[in-house]
Amino acid sequence: TSVLVNYLLILIQFAMTQKMGEQIELQKIALQDWI
């Protein structure tokens, strides 16, 4: 149970970091288009 919970938290954190990076890239592209 502890392994499942800890591994799940790590994977979710990795997924959220990946999505945050994608959103930052989209914001940079939108800012470049606006400029």
PDB file of all heavy atoms in Angstrom:
ATOM      1  N   THR A   1       0.827  -1.211   0.000  1.00  0.00           N
ATOM      2  CA  THR A   1       0.000   0.000   0.000  1.00  0.00           C
ATOM      3  C   THR A   1       0.860   1.259   0.000  1.00  0.00           C
ATOM      4  O   THR A   1       0.603   2.213  -0.743  1.00  0.00           O
ATOM      5  CB  THR A   1      -0.933  -0.002   1.216  1.00  0.00           C
ATOM      6  OG1 THR A   1      -1.708  -1.205   1.219  1.00  0.00           O
ATOM      7  CG2 THR A   1      -1.872   1.191   1.181  1.00  0.00           C
ATOM      8  N   SER A   2       1.900   1.263   0.839  1.00  0.00           N
ATOM      9  CA  SER A   2       2.774   2.435   0.879  1.00  0.00           C
ATOM     10  C   SER A   2       3.520   2.625  -0.436  1.00  0.00           C
ATOM     11  O   SER A   2       3.695   3.759  -0.904  1.00  0.00           O
ATOM     12  CB  SER A   2       3.773   2.296   2.039  1.00  0.00           C
ATOM     13  OG  SER A   2       4.617   1.170   1.848  1.00  0.00           O
ATOM     14  N   VAL A   3       3.952   1.520  -1.047  1.00  0.00           N
ATOM     15  CA  VAL A   3       4.625   1.626  -2.350  1.00  0.00           C
ATOM     16  C   VAL A   3       3.680   2.191  -3.400  1.00  0.00           C
ATOM     17  O   VAL A   3       4.063   3.067  -4.198  1.00  0.00           O
ATOM     18  CB  VAL A   3       5.166   0.244  -2.783  1.00  0.00           C
ATOM     19  CG1 VAL A   3       5.608   0.262  -4.241  1.00  0.00           C
ATOM     20  CG2 VAL A   3       6.316  -0.179  -1.897  1.00  0.00           C
ATOM     21  N   LEU A   4       2.442   1.704  -3.406  1.00  0.00           N
ATOM     22  CA  LEU A   4       1.472   2.204  -4.379  1.00  0.00           C
ATOM     23  C   LEU A   4       1.224   3.695  -4.199  1.00  0.00           C
ATOM     24  O   LEU A   4       1.213   4.458  -5.174  1.00  0.00           O
ATOM     25  CB  LEU A   4       0.151   1.428  -4.241  1.00  0.00           C
ATOM     26  CG  LEU A   4       0.137  -0.012  -4.740  1.00  0.00           C
ATOM     27  CD1 LEU A   4      -1.172  -0.685  -4.347  1.00  0.00           C
ATOM     28  CD2 LEU A   4       0.304  -0.062  -6.245  1.00  0.00           C
ATOM     29  N   VAL A   5       1.053   4.124  -2.971  1.00  0.00           N
ATOM     30  CA  VAL A   5       0.759   5.540  -2.717  1.00  0.00           C
ATOM     31  C   VAL A   5       1.950   6.419  -3.071  1.00  0.00           C
ATOM     32  O   VAL A   5       1.807   7.456  -3.751  1.00  0.00           O
ATOM     33  CB  VAL A   5       0.344   5.730  -1.239  1.00  0.00           C
ATOM     34  CG1 VAL A   5       0.215   7.213  -0.928  1.00  0.00           C
ATOM     35  CG2 VAL A   5      -0.971   5.020  -0.965  1.00  0.00           C
ATOM     36  N   ASN A   6       3.146   6.029  -2.637  1.00  0.00           N
ATOM     37  CA  ASN A   6       4.329   6.847  -2.924  1.00  0.00           C
ATOM     38  C   ASN A   6       4.619   6.920  -4.423  1.00  0.00           C
ATOM     39  O   ASN A   6       4.932   7.998  -4.961  1.00  0.00           O
ATOM     40  CB  ASN A   6       5.547   6.280  -2.189  1.00  0.00           C
ATOM     41  CG  ASN A   6       5.434   6.426  -0.694  1.00  0.00           C
ATOM     42  OD1 ASN A   6       4.813   7.356  -0.193  1.00  0.00           O
ATOM     43  ND2 ASN A   6       6.031   5.516   0.054  1.00  0.00           N
ATOM     44  N   TYR A   7       4.514   5.775  -5.101  1.00  0.00           N
ATOM     45  CA  TYR A   7       4.764   5.760  -6.537  1.00  0.00           C
ATOM     46  C   TYR A   7       3.714   6.572  -7.279  1.00  0.00           C
ATOM     47  O   TYR A   7       4.005   7.261  -8.260  1.00  0.00           O
ATOM     48  CB  TYR A   7       4.788   4.316  -7.040  1.00  0.00           C
ATOM     49  CG  TYR A   7       5.303   4.158  -8.444  1.00  0.00           C
ATOM     50  CD1 TYR A   7       6.451   4.812  -8.868  1.00  0.00           C
ATOM     51  CD2 TYR A   7       4.643   3.329  -9.349  1.00  0.00           C
ATOM     52  CE1 TYR A   7       6.930   4.653 -10.148  1.00  0.00           C
ATOM     53  CE2 TYR A   7       5.114   3.172 -10.636  1.00  0.00           C
ATOM     54  CZ  TYR A   7       6.260   3.828 -11.028  1.00  0.00           C
ATOM     55  OH  TYR A   7       6.729   3.669 -12.301  1.00  0.00           O
ATOM     56  N   LEU A   8       2.481   6.501  -6.808  1.00  0.00           N
ATOM     57  CA  LEU A   8       1.413   7.284  -7.423  1.00  0.00           C
ATOM     58  C   LEU A   8       1.688   8.774  -7.289  1.00  0.00           C
ATOM     59  O   LEU A   8       1.527   9.542  -8.253  1.00  0.00           O
ATOM     60  CB  LEU A   8       0.081   6.933  -6.757  1.00  0.00           C
ATOM     61  CG  LEU A   8      -1.122   7.795  -7.119  1.00  0.00           C
ATOM     62  CD1 LEU A   8      -1.430   7.665  -8.595  1.00  0.00           C
ATOM     63  CD2 LEU A   8      -2.318   7.410  -6.283  1.00  0.00           C
ATOM     64  N   LEU A   9       2.125   9.228  -6.117  1.00  0.00           N
ATOM     65  CA  LEU A   9       2.421  10.643  -5.921  1.00  0.00           C
ATOM     66  C   LEU A   9       3.553  11.104  -6.831  1.00  0.00           C
ATOM     67  O   LEU A   9       3.503  12.206  -7.398  1.00  0.00           O
ATOM     68  CB  LEU A   9       2.774  10.900  -4.458  1.00  0.00           C
ATOM     69  CG  LEU A   9       1.638  10.704  -3.439  1.00  0.00           C
ATOM     70  CD1 LEU A   9       2.159  10.869  -2.020  1.00  0.00           C
ATOM     71  CD2 LEU A   9       0.502  11.676  -3.717  1.00  0.00           C
ATOM     72  N   ILE A  10       4.562  10.252  -6.990  1.00  0.00           N
ATOM     73  CA  ILE A  10       5.679  10.620  -7.874  1.00  0.00           C
ATOM     74  C   ILE A  10       5.209  10.741  -9.321  1.00  0.00           C
ATOM     75  O   ILE A  10       5.557  11.695 -10.030  1.00  0.00           O
ATOM     76  CB  ILE A  10       6.801   9.569  -7.750  1.00  0.00           C
ATOM     77  CG1 ILE A  10       7.416   9.615  -6.352  1.00  0.00           C
ATOM     78  CG2 ILE A  10       7.877   9.807  -8.798  1.00  0.00           C
ATOM     79  CD1 ILE A  10       8.406   8.509  -6.076  1.00  0.00           C
ATOM     80  N   LEU A  11       4.396   9.790  -9.757  1.00  0.00           N
ATOM     81  CA  LEU A  11       3.926   9.831 -11.145  1.00  0.00           C
ATOM     82  C   LEU A  11       3.011  11.021 -11.397  1.00  0.00           C
ATOM     83  O   LEU A  11       3.085  11.670 -12.450  1.00  0.00           O
ATOM     84  CB  LEU A  11       3.197   8.518 -11.462  1.00  0.00           C
ATOM     85  CG  LEU A  11       4.084   7.284 -11.627  1.00  0.00           C
ATOM     86  CD1 LEU A  11       3.226   6.045 -11.790  1.00  0.00           C
ATOM     87  CD2 LEU A  11       5.018   7.431 -12.813  1.00  0.00           C
ATOM     88  N   ILE A  12       2.148  11.323 -10.459  1.00  0.00           N
ATOM     89  CA  ILE A  12       1.250  12.472 -10.632  1.00  0.00           C
ATOM     90  C   ILE A  12       2.055  13.777 -10.646  1.00  0.00           C
ATOM     91  O   ILE A  12       1.783  14.684 -11.444  1.00  0.00           O
ATOM     92  CB  ILE A  12       0.193  12.488  -9.520  1.00  0.00           C
ATOM     93  CG1 ILE A  12      -0.771  11.317  -9.702  1.00  0.00           C
ATOM     94  CG2 ILE A  12      -0.574  13.799  -9.521  1.00  0.00           C
ATOM     95  CD1 ILE A  12      -1.821  11.213  -8.632  1.00  0.00           C
ATOM     96  N   GLN A  13       3.056  13.865  -9.792  1.00  0.00           N
ATOM     97  CA  GLN A  13       3.901  15.053  -9.789  1.00  0.00           C
ATOM     98  C   GLN A  13       4.641  15.203 -11.114  1.00  0.00           C
ATOM     99  O   GLN A  13       4.754  16.310 -11.662  1.00  0.00           O
ATOM    100  CB  GLN A  13       4.903  14.967  -8.640  1.00  0.00           C
ATOM    101  CG  GLN A  13       5.781  16.210  -8.492  1.00  0.00           C
ATOM    102  CD  GLN A  13       6.745  16.093  -7.327  1.00  0.00           C
ATOM    103  OE1 GLN A  13       6.825  15.046  -6.695  1.00  0.00           O
ATOM    104  NE2 GLN A  13       7.474  17.163  -7.057  1.00  0.00           N
ATOM    105  N   PHE A  14       5.110  14.082 -11.653  1.00  0.00           N
ATOM    106  CA  PHE A  14       5.786  14.126 -12.952  1.00  0.00           C
ATOM    107  C   PHE A  14       4.824  14.554 -14.056  1.00  0.00           C
ATOM    108  O   PHE A  14       5.176  15.366 -14.936  1.00  0.00           O
ATOM    109  CB  PHE A  14       6.356  12.743 -13.279  1.00  0.00           C
ATOM    110  CG  PHE A  14       6.992  12.649 -14.635  1.00  0.00           C
ATOM    111  CD1 PHE A  14       8.241  13.189 -14.872  1.00  0.00           C
ATOM    112  CD2 PHE A  14       6.321  12.019 -15.685  1.00  0.00           C
ATOM    113  CE1 PHE A  14       8.828  13.103 -16.121  1.00  0.00           C
ATOM    114  CE2 PHE A  14       6.886  11.929 -16.931  1.00  0.00           C
ATOM    115  CZ  PHE A  14       8.156  12.470 -17.153  1.00  0.00           C
ATOM    116  N   ALA A  15       3.588  14.029 -14.007  1.00  0.00           N
ATOM    117  CA  ALA A  15       2.608  14.401 -15.026  1.00  0.00           C
ATOM    118  C   ALA A  15       2.247  15.882 -14.936  1.00  0.00           C
ATOM    119  O   ALA A  15       2.128  16.570 -15.965  1.00  0.00           O
ATOM    120  CB  ALA A  15       1.352  13.547 -14.866  1.00  0.00           C
ATOM    121  N   MET A  16       2.083  16.387 -13.723  1.00  0.00           N
ATOM    122  CA  MET A  16       1.745  17.797 -13.559  1.00  0.00           C
ATOM    123  C   MET A  16       2.900  18.693 -14.003  1.00  0.00           C
ATOM    124  O   MET A  16       2.692  19.756 -14.606  1.00  0.00           O
ATOM    125  CB  MET A  16       1.375  18.082 -12.097  1.00  0.00           C
ATOM    126  CG  MET A  16       0.099  17.379 -11.645  1.00  0.00           C
ATOM    127  SD  MET A  16      -0.326  17.719  -9.929  1.00  0.00           S
ATOM    128  CE  MET A  16      -0.724  19.463 -10.033  1.00  0.00           C
ATOM    129  N   THR A  17       4.137  18.271 -13.728  1.00  0.00           N
ATOM    130  CA  THR A  17       5.291  19.039 -14.193  1.00  0.00           C
ATOM    131  C   THR A  17       5.354  19.061 -15.708  1.00  0.00           C
ATOM    132  O   THR A  17       5.659  20.097 -16.322  1.00  0.00           O
ATOM    133  CB  THR A  17       6.580  18.425 -13.620  1.00  0.00           C
ATOM    134  OG1 THR A  17       6.491  18.370 -12.201  1.00  0.00           O
ATOM    135  CG2 THR A  17       7.791  19.244 -14.025  1.00  0.00           C
ATOM    136  N   GLN A  18       5.050  17.900 -16.326  1.00  0.00           N
ATOM    137  CA  GLN A  18       5.037  17.834 -17.788  1.00  0.00           C
ATOM    138  C   GLN A  18       3.970  18.757 -18.373  1.00  0.00           C
ATOM    139  O   GLN A  18       4.221  19.489 -19.337  1.00  0.00           O
ATOM    140  CB  GLN A  18       4.803  16.387 -18.229  1.00  0.00           C
ATOM    141  CG  GLN A  18       4.892  16.173 -19.726  1.00  0.00           C
ATOM    142  CD  GLN A  18       4.624  14.718 -20.095  1.00  0.00           C
ATOM    143  OE1 GLN A  18       3.962  13.998 -19.352  1.00  0.00           O
ATOM    144  NE2 GLN A  18       5.112  14.303 -21.242  1.00  0.00           N
ATOM    145  N   LYS A  19       2.788  18.753 -17.785  1.00  0.00           N
ATOM    146  CA  LYS A  19       1.714  19.621 -18.280  1.00  0.00           C
ATOM    147  C   LYS A  19       2.056  21.093 -18.052  1.00  0.00           C
ATOM    148  O   LYS A  19       1.755  21.942 -18.882  1.00  0.00           O
ATOM    149  CB  LYS A  19       0.399  19.262 -17.580  1.00  0.00           C
ATOM    150  CG  LYS A  19      -0.182  17.941 -18.013  1.00  0.00           C
ATOM    151  CD  LYS A  19      -1.489  17.668 -17.313  1.00  0.00           C
ATOM    152  CE  LYS A  19      -2.053  16.322 -17.756  1.00  0.00           C
ATOM    153  NZ  LYS A  19      -2.437  16.341 -19.168  1.00  0.00           N
ATOM    154  N   MET A  20       2.713  21.386 -16.929  1.00  0.00           N
ATOM    155  CA  MET A  20       3.095  22.775 -16.668  1.00  0.00           C
ATOM    156  C   MET A  20       4.114  23.248 -17.697  1.00  0.00           C
ATOM    157  O   MET A  20       4.057  24.391 -18.181  1.00  0.00           O
ATOM    158  CB  MET A  20       3.662  22.889 -15.247  1.00  0.00           C
ATOM    159  CG  MET A  20       3.939  24.326 -14.813  1.00  0.00           C
ATOM    160  SD  MET A  20       4.573  24.382 -13.119  1.00  0.00           S
ATOM    161  CE  MET A  20       3.156  23.699 -12.239  1.00  0.00           C
ATOM    162  N   GLY A  21       5.059  22.387 -18.048  1.00  0.00           N
ATOM    163  CA  GLY A  21       6.023  22.743 -19.081  1.00  0.00           C
ATOM    164  C   GLY A  21       5.365  22.991 -20.424  1.00  0.00           C
ATOM    165  O   GLY A  21       5.747  23.920 -21.160  1.00  0.00           O
ATOM    166  N   GLU A  22       4.373  22.152 -20.764  1.00  0.00           N
ATOM    167  CA  GLU A  22       3.660  22.363 -22.018  1.00  0.00           C
ATOM    168  C   GLU A  22       2.906  23.689 -22.006  1.00  0.00           C
ATOM    169  O   GLU A  22       2.877  24.415 -23.007  1.00  0.00           O
ATOM    170  CB  GLU A  22       2.692  21.202 -22.256  1.00  0.00           C
ATOM    171  CG  GLU A  22       3.381  19.866 -22.514  1.00  0.00           C
ATOM    172  CD  GLU A  22       2.389  18.724 -22.611  1.00  0.00           C
ATOM    173  OE1 GLU A  22       1.177  18.985 -22.389  1.00  0.00           O
ATOM    174  OE2 GLU A  22       2.815  17.589 -22.897  1.00  0.00           O
ATOM    175  N   GLN A  23       2.301  24.033 -20.882  1.00  0.00           N
ATOM    176  CA  GLN A  23       1.580  25.301 -20.798  1.00  0.00           C
ATOM    177  C   GLN A  23       2.524  26.493 -20.903  1.00  0.00           C
ATOM    178  O   GLN A  23       2.209  27.507 -21.535  1.00  0.00           O
ATOM    179  CB  GLN A  23       0.807  25.360 -19.478  1.00  0.00           C
ATOM    180  CG  GLN A  23      -0.365  24.397 -19.411  1.00  0.00           C
ATOM    181  CD  GLN A  23      -1.056  24.430 -18.059  1.00  0.00           C
ATOM    182  OE1 GLN A  23      -0.645  25.171 -17.170  1.00  0.00           O
ATOM    183  NE2 GLN A  23      -2.101  23.615 -17.921  1.00  0.00           N
ATOM    184  N   ILE A  24       3.729  26.388 -20.307  1.00  0.00           N
ATOM    185  CA  ILE A  24       4.700  27.475 -20.417  1.00  0.00           C
ATOM    186  C   ILE A  24       5.130  27.662 -21.861  1.00  0.00           C
ATOM    187  O   ILE A  24       5.276  28.802 -22.350  1.00  0.00           O
ATOM    188  CB  ILE A  24       5.907  27.193 -19.502  1.00  0.00           C
ATOM    189  CG1 ILE A  24       5.484  27.268 -18.028  1.00  0.00           C
ATOM    190  CG2 ILE A  24       7.049  28.163 -19.777  1.00  0.00           C
ATOM    191  CD1 ILE A  24       6.571  26.854 -17.059  1.00  0.00           C
ATOM    192  N   GLU A  25       5.343  26.549 -22.579  1.00  0.00           N
ATOM    193  CA  GLU A  25       5.714  26.642 -23.990  1.00  0.00           C
ATOM    194  C   GLU A  25       4.607  27.307 -24.801  1.00  0.00           C
ATOM    195  O   GLU A  25       4.870  28.133 -25.681  1.00  0.00           O
ATOM    196  CB  GLU A  25       6.023  25.249 -24.535  1.00  0.00           C
ATOM    197  CG  GLU A  25       7.307  24.632 -24.006  1.00  0.00           C
ATOM    198  CD  GLU A  25       8.533  25.413 -24.431  1.00  0.00           C
ATOM    199  OE1 GLU A  25       8.515  25.996 -25.540  1.00  0.00           O
ATOM    200  OE2 GLU A  25       9.497  25.445 -23.651  1.00  0.00           O
ATOM    201  N   LEU A  26       3.354  26.961 -24.516  1.00  0.00           N
ATOM    202  CA  LEU A  26       2.238  27.584 -25.235  1.00  0.00           C
ATOM    203  C   LEU A  26       2.161  29.075 -24.924  1.00  0.00           C
ATOM    204  O   LEU A  26       1.879  29.898 -25.819  1.00  0.00           O
ATOM    205  CB  LEU A  26       0.926  26.887 -24.849  1.00  0.00           C
ATOM    206  CG  LEU A  26       0.748  25.446 -25.336  1.00  0.00           C
ATOM    207  CD1 LEU A  26      -0.537  24.848 -24.776  1.00  0.00           C
ATOM    208  CD2 LEU A  26       0.726  25.397 -26.860  1.00  0.00           C
ATOM    209  N   GLN A  27       2.415  29.469 -23.687  1.00  0.00           N
ATOM    210  CA  GLN A  27       2.399  30.892 -23.340  1.00  0.00           C
ATOM    211  C   GLN A  27       3.531  31.645 -24.027  1.00  0.00           C
ATOM    212  O   GLN A  27       3.356  32.782 -24.479  1.00  0.00           O
ATOM    213  CB  GLN A  27       2.500  31.046 -21.823  1.00  0.00           C
ATOM    214  CG  GLN A  27       1.260  30.602 -21.069  1.00  0.00           C
ATOM    215  CD  GLN A  27       1.438  30.685 -19.571  1.00  0.00           C
ATOM    216  OE1 GLN A  27       2.502  31.078 -19.082  1.00  0.00           O
ATOM    217  NE2 GLN A  27       0.397  30.302 -18.828  1.00  0.00           N
ATOM    218  N   LYS A  28       4.704  31.018 -24.138  1.00  0.00           N
ATOM    219  CA  LYS A  28       5.821  31.665 -24.836  1.00  0.00           C
ATOM    220  C   LYS A  28       5.502  31.870 -26.312  1.00  0.00           C
ATOM    221  O   LYS A  28       5.789  32.932 -26.889  1.00  0.00           O
ATOM    222  CB  LYS A  28       7.086  30.811 -24.684  1.00  0.00           C
ATOM    223  CG  LYS A  28       7.674  30.829 -23.280  1.00  0.00           C
ATOM    224  CD  LYS A  28       8.797  29.823 -23.126  1.00  0.00           C
ATOM    225  CE  LYS A  28       9.938  30.106 -24.073  1.00  0.00           C
ATOM    226  NZ  LYS A  28      11.052  29.159 -23.877  1.00  0.00           N
ATOM    227  N   ILE A  29       4.877  30.859 -26.906  1.00  0.00           N
ATOM    228  CA  ILE A  29       4.512  30.980 -28.327  1.00  0.00           C
ATOM    229  C   ILE A  29       3.471  32.075 -28.507  1.00  0.00           C
ATOM    230  O   ILE A  29       3.539  32.908 -29.447  1.00  0.00           O
ATOM    231  CB  ILE A  29       4.006  29.634 -28.859  1.00  0.00           C
ATOM    232  CG1 ILE A  29       5.145  28.594 -28.878  1.00  0.00           C
ATOM    233  CG2 ILE A  29       3.414  29.783 -30.251  1.00  0.00           C
ATOM    234  CD1 ILE A  29       4.697  27.208 -29.210  1.00  0.00           C
ATOM    235  N   ALA A  30       2.478  32.122 -27.604  1.00  0.00           N
ATOM    236  CA  ALA A  30       1.463  33.174 -27.707  1.00  0.00           C
ATOM    237  C   ALA A  30       2.058  34.558 -27.504  1.00  0.00           C
ATOM    238  O   ALA A  30       1.683  35.525 -28.179  1.00  0.00           O
ATOM    239  CB  ALA A  30       0.368  32.907 -26.671  1.00  0.00           C
ATOM    240  N   LEU A  31       3.021  34.687 -26.586  1.00  0.00           N
ATOM    241  CA  LEU A  31       3.668  35.976 -26.344  1.00  0.00           C
ATOM    242  C   LEU A  31       4.497  36.421 -27.534  1.00  0.00           C
ATOM    243  O   LEU A  31       4.477  37.598 -27.929  1.00  0.00           O
ATOM    244  CB  LEU A  31       4.547  35.868 -25.087  1.00  0.00           C
ATOM    245  CG  LEU A  31       5.247  37.167 -24.645  1.00  0.00           C
ATOM    246  CD1 LEU A  31       4.207  38.254 -24.308  1.00  0.00           C
ATOM    247  CD2 LEU A  31       6.140  36.892 -23.431  1.00  0.00           C
ATOM    248  N   GLN A  32       5.190  35.457 -28.139  1.00  0.00           N
ATOM    249  CA  GLN A  32       5.975  35.775 -29.340  1.00  0.00           C
ATOM    250  C   GLN A  32       5.072  36.216 -30.487  1.00  0.00           C
ATOM    251  O   GLN A  32       5.392  37.156 -31.247  1.00  0.00           O
ATOM    252  CB  GLN A  32       6.831  34.570 -29.751  1.00  0.00           C
ATOM    253  CG  GLN A  32       7.976  34.280 -28.790  1.00  0.00           C
ATOM    254  CD  GLN A  32       8.689  33.000 -29.147  1.00  0.00           C
ATOM    255  OE1 GLN A  32       8.316  32.294 -30.086  1.00  0.00           O
ATOM    256  NE2 GLN A  32       9.730  32.665 -28.378  1.00  0.00           N
ATOM    257  N   ASP A  33       3.928  35.550 -30.662  1.00  0.00           N
ATOM    258  CA  ASP A  33       2.987  35.963 -31.713  1.00  0.00           C
ATOM    259  C   ASP A  33       2.431  37.358 -31.434  1.00  0.00           C
ATOM    260  O   ASP A  33       2.217  38.153 -32.363  1.00  0.00           O
ATOM    261  CB  ASP A  33       1.832  34.944 -31.796  1.00  0.00           C
ATOM    262  CG  ASP A  33       2.296  33.586 -32.309  1.00  0.00           C
ATOM    263  OD1 ASP A  33       3.365  33.536 -32.938  1.00  0.00           O
ATOM    264  OD2 ASP A  33       1.593  32.579 -32.057  1.00  0.00           O
ATOM    265  N   TRP A  34       2.193  37.684 -30.179  1.00  0.00           N
ATOM    266  CA  TRP A  34       1.633  39.000 -29.835  1.00  0.00           C
ATOM    267  C   TRP A  34       2.663  40.117 -30.063  1.00  0.00           C
ATOM    268  O   TRP A  34       2.345  41.191 -30.529  1.00  0.00           O
ATOM    269  CB  TRP A  34       1.212  38.980 -28.372  1.00  0.00           C
ATOM    270  CG  TRP A  34       0.588  40.280 -27.936  1.00  0.00           C
ATOM    271  CD1 TRP A  34      -0.622  40.784 -28.294  1.00  0.00           C
ATOM    272  CD2 TRP A  34       1.194  41.240 -27.070  1.00  0.00           C
ATOM    273  NE1 TRP A  34      -0.847  41.987 -27.705  1.00  0.00           N
ATOM    274  CE2 TRP A  34       0.274  42.320 -26.934  1.00  0.00           C
ATOM    275  CE3 TRP A  34       2.416  41.306 -26.397  1.00  0.00           C
ATOM    276  CZ2 TRP A  34       0.548  43.429 -26.161  1.00  0.00           C
ATOM    277  CZ3 TRP A  34       2.663  42.421 -25.638  1.00  0.00           C
ATOM    278  CH2 TRP A  34       1.747  43.467 -25.517  1.00  0.00           C
ATOM    279  N   ILE A  35       3.933  39.772 -29.744  1.00  0.00           N
ATOM    280  CA  ILE A  35       4.978  40.769 -29.959  1.00  0.00           C
ATOM    281  C   ILE A  35       5.246  40.966 -31.447  1.00  0.00           C
ATOM    282  O   ILE A  35       5.506  42.079 -31.916  1.00  0.00           O
ATOM    283  CB  ILE A  35       6.273  40.355 -29.221  1.00  0.00           C
ATOM    284  CG1 ILE A  35       6.020  40.389 -27.707  1.00  0.00           C
ATOM    285  CG2 ILE A  35       7.435  41.273 -29.575  1.00  0.00           C
ATOM    286  CD1 ILE A  35       7.170  39.877 -26.878  1.00  0.00           C
TER     287      ILE A  35
END
